[in-house]
Amino acid sequence: MNKEALVKVANFCAYQERTQQEVRKRLSELEVIGDEAEEMIVWLIENNYLNEERFARIFAGSKFRQKRWGRLKIRQELKMRGVSEYCLKAGMSEIDDEDYIQTLAEILEKKSKEIKESNPLKRKQKLVSYALSKGFESDLVFDLIGKVG
C-alpha cells in the first residue's frame, strides 16, 4: 500500500466527514486506483476515518439547521454524493418532525413579509415556489401556506 497516499487520504478524511465517492475521487487524483484504492478505503473504514452513516447524519442535520433545507433537497444531495439508502435513512432521522414543520412555518412567514406582491394568488405562488426550491414537500407547503398566506 502506498503509505504517502494513505497519509494524504487519511488527513483528507480527518479534516471533515467524507463519502466513499469523495475518497475514491481523491485517490484517483493521487493516481491510486483499483484494488489498492479499495484496500485503502477498507483501512479508512476500519480505522474510523471514513464512516458514511456519520457523514449522512452530520450533513442532513447541518443542512437542515443552518441552511434550512427541506428533506427533498437533502435527500437529493446525499444521493448525488453516492450515499447508500441505509445511510440516507440514518441521516434523515436527524431531522425532528416538529422542528421540520416549525422551520417551514418560519421560512414561509419570513418570506411572506419580504414579498411585495399585492395579488393574493401571486403571493401564494411565490411562497409555494420558494418553499419548494428549498426542498420542502408540496403537501406540507400547501397545508401551511393557508395558515401563513
Protein backbone atom coordinates (compact mmCIF):
# COMPACT_ATOMS: atom_id res chain seq x y z
CA MET A 1 0.00 0.00 0.00
CA ASN A 2 1.26 3.48 -0.92
CA LYS A 3 1.93 4.97 2.56
CA GLU A 4 2.23 8.56 1.30
CA ALA A 5 -1.15 8.40 -0.46
CA LEU A 6 -2.69 6.71 2.59
CA VAL A 7 -1.48 9.51 4.88
CA LYS A 8 -2.84 12.15 2.47
CA VAL A 9 -6.23 10.49 2.18
CA ALA A 10 -6.42 9.86 5.95
CA ASN A 11 -5.78 13.58 6.52
CA PHE A 12 -8.41 14.36 3.86
CA CYS A 13 -10.94 12.31 5.89
CA ALA A 14 -9.79 13.67 9.26
CA TYR A 15 -10.30 17.27 8.12
CA GLN A 16 -14.05 16.76 7.59
CA GLU A 17 -16.52 13.93 7.06
CA ARG A 18 -16.35 12.43 3.57
CA THR A 19 -18.21 9.90 1.43
CA GLN A 20 -16.58 6.90 -0.21
CA GLN A 21 -17.20 8.57 -3.57
CA GLU A 22 -15.22 11.66 -2.50
CA VAL A 23 -12.38 9.46 -1.20
CA ARG A 24 -12.26 7.44 -4.44
CA LYS A 25 -12.05 10.69 -6.42
CA ARG A 26 -9.24 11.94 -4.18
CA LEU A 27 -7.39 8.64 -4.52
CA SER A 28 -7.64 8.77 -8.32
CA GLU A 29 -6.20 12.31 -8.20
CA LEU A 30 -3.30 10.76 -6.27
CA GLU A 31 -3.09 8.10 -9.01
CA VAL A 32 -4.20 5.30 -6.70
CA ILE A 33 -6.80 3.13 -8.42
CA GLY A 34 -8.27 -0.38 -8.45
CA ASP A 35 -7.55 -2.86 -5.69
CA GLU A 36 -5.05 -0.60 -3.95
CA ALA A 37 -7.66 2.18 -3.69
CA GLU A 38 -10.24 -0.28 -2.33
CA GLU A 39 -7.74 -1.58 0.24
CA MET A 40 -7.14 1.98 1.43
CA ILE A 41 -10.89 2.61 1.70
CA VAL A 42 -11.29 -0.57 3.78
CA TRP A 43 -8.41 0.60 6.01
CA LEU A 44 -10.02 4.05 6.41
CA ILE A 45 -13.34 2.48 7.37
CA GLU A 46 -11.75 0.01 9.82
CA ASN A 47 -9.82 2.84 11.46
CA ASN A 48 -12.91 5.07 11.64
CA TYR A 49 -11.61 7.77 9.30
CA LEU A 50 -14.43 7.08 6.89
CA ASN A 51 -18.00 6.49 8.03
CA GLU A 52 -20.81 7.27 5.59
CA GLU A 53 -23.54 6.96 8.21
CA ARG A 54 -21.79 9.56 10.35
CA PHE A 55 -21.35 11.74 7.24
CA ALA A 56 -25.06 11.46 6.35
CA ARG A 57 -26.20 12.31 9.89
CA ILE A 58 -23.94 15.36 10.15
CA PHE A 59 -24.74 16.52 6.61
CA ALA A 60 -28.53 16.21 6.98
CA GLY A 61 -28.62 17.80 10.42
CA SER A 62 -26.44 20.75 9.50
CA LYS A 63 -28.09 21.47 6.12
CA PHE A 64 -31.46 21.47 7.86
CA ARG A 65 -30.44 23.59 10.86
CA GLN A 66 -28.08 26.04 9.16
CA LYS A 67 -29.25 26.34 5.55
CA ARG A 68 -32.85 25.41 6.37
CA TRP A 69 -33.08 22.91 3.53
CA GLY A 70 -36.07 20.59 3.24
CA ARG A 71 -35.88 16.80 3.25
CA LEU A 72 -36.20 16.51 -0.54
CA LYS A 73 -33.17 18.71 -1.20
CA ILE A 74 -31.09 16.97 1.48
CA ARG A 75 -32.05 13.51 0.19
CA GLN A 76 -31.22 14.52 -3.39
CA GLU A 77 -27.82 15.90 -2.37
CA LEU A 78 -26.95 12.76 -0.38
CA LYS A 79 -27.93 10.56 -3.34
CA MET A 80 -25.75 12.65 -5.65
CA ARG A 81 -22.86 12.00 -3.28
CA GLY A 82 -23.38 8.25 -3.59
CA VAL A 83 -24.59 7.64 -0.03
CA SER A 84 -26.31 4.26 0.48
CA GLU A 85 -30.04 4.04 1.19
CA TYR A 86 -29.31 2.81 4.75
CA CYS A 87 -27.08 5.81 5.49
CA LEU A 88 -29.53 8.14 3.79
CA LYS A 89 -32.30 6.97 6.15
CA ALA A 90 -29.97 7.37 9.13
CA GLY A 91 -29.20 10.93 8.04
CA MET A 92 -32.86 11.81 7.58
CA SER A 93 -33.61 10.54 11.10
CA GLU A 94 -31.62 13.53 12.39
CA ILE A 95 -34.50 15.83 11.38
CA ASP A 96 -37.23 16.03 14.01
CA ASP A 97 -40.77 16.25 12.55
CA GLU A 98 -41.89 19.08 14.87
CA ASP A 99 -38.74 21.12 14.17
CA TYR A 100 -39.21 20.49 10.46
CA ILE A 101 -42.76 21.88 10.36
CA GLN A 102 -41.79 24.76 12.65
CA THR A 103 -38.86 25.64 10.38
CA LEU A 104 -41.05 25.56 7.28
CA ALA A 105 -43.60 27.82 9.00
CA GLU A 106 -40.84 30.29 9.95
CA ILE A 107 -39.44 30.27 6.40
CA LEU A 108 -42.90 30.95 4.93
CA GLU A 109 -43.63 33.71 7.43
CA LYS A 110 -40.31 35.45 6.80
CA LYS A 111 -40.65 35.17 3.02
CA SER A 112 -44.26 36.38 3.18
CA LYS A 113 -43.06 39.64 4.78
CA GLU A 114 -40.47 40.10 2.02
CA ILE A 115 -42.87 39.62 -0.91
CA LYS A 116 -44.12 42.95 -2.23
CA GLU A 117 -46.84 41.40 -4.43
CA SER A 118 -50.39 42.62 -3.67
CA ASN A 119 -52.26 39.98 -5.71
CA PRO A 120 -53.03 37.18 -3.18
CA LEU A 121 -52.74 34.41 -5.78
CA LYS A 122 -49.35 35.61 -7.00
CA ARG A 123 -48.19 35.97 -3.37
CA LYS A 124 -49.12 32.35 -2.66
CA GLN A 125 -47.49 31.22 -5.88
CA LYS A 126 -44.24 32.96 -4.91
CA LEU A 127 -44.35 31.47 -1.39
CA VAL A 128 -45.01 27.96 -2.72
CA SER A 129 -42.26 28.30 -5.30
CA TYR A 130 -39.77 29.48 -2.67
CA ALA A 131 -40.56 26.66 -0.22
CA LEU A 132 -40.36 24.03 -2.96
CA SER A 133 -36.98 25.40 -4.08
CA LYS A 134 -35.73 24.90 -0.51
CA GLY A 135 -36.66 21.23 -0.80
CA PHE A 136 -39.84 21.04 1.26
CA GLU A 137 -42.62 18.62 0.32
CA SER A 138 -45.51 20.18 -1.62
CA ASP A 139 -48.25 18.73 0.63
CA LEU A 140 -46.67 20.29 3.73
CA VAL A 141 -46.15 23.59 1.92
CA PHE A 142 -49.79 23.78 0.80
CA ASP A 143 -51.00 22.83 4.31
CA LEU A 144 -49.01 25.63 5.93
CA ILE A 145 -49.46 28.25 3.20
CA GLY A 146 -53.15 28.62 4.08
CA LYS A 147 -52.17 29.44 7.66
CA VAL A 148 -49.43 31.93 6.72
CA GLY A 149 -50.68 33.33 3.36
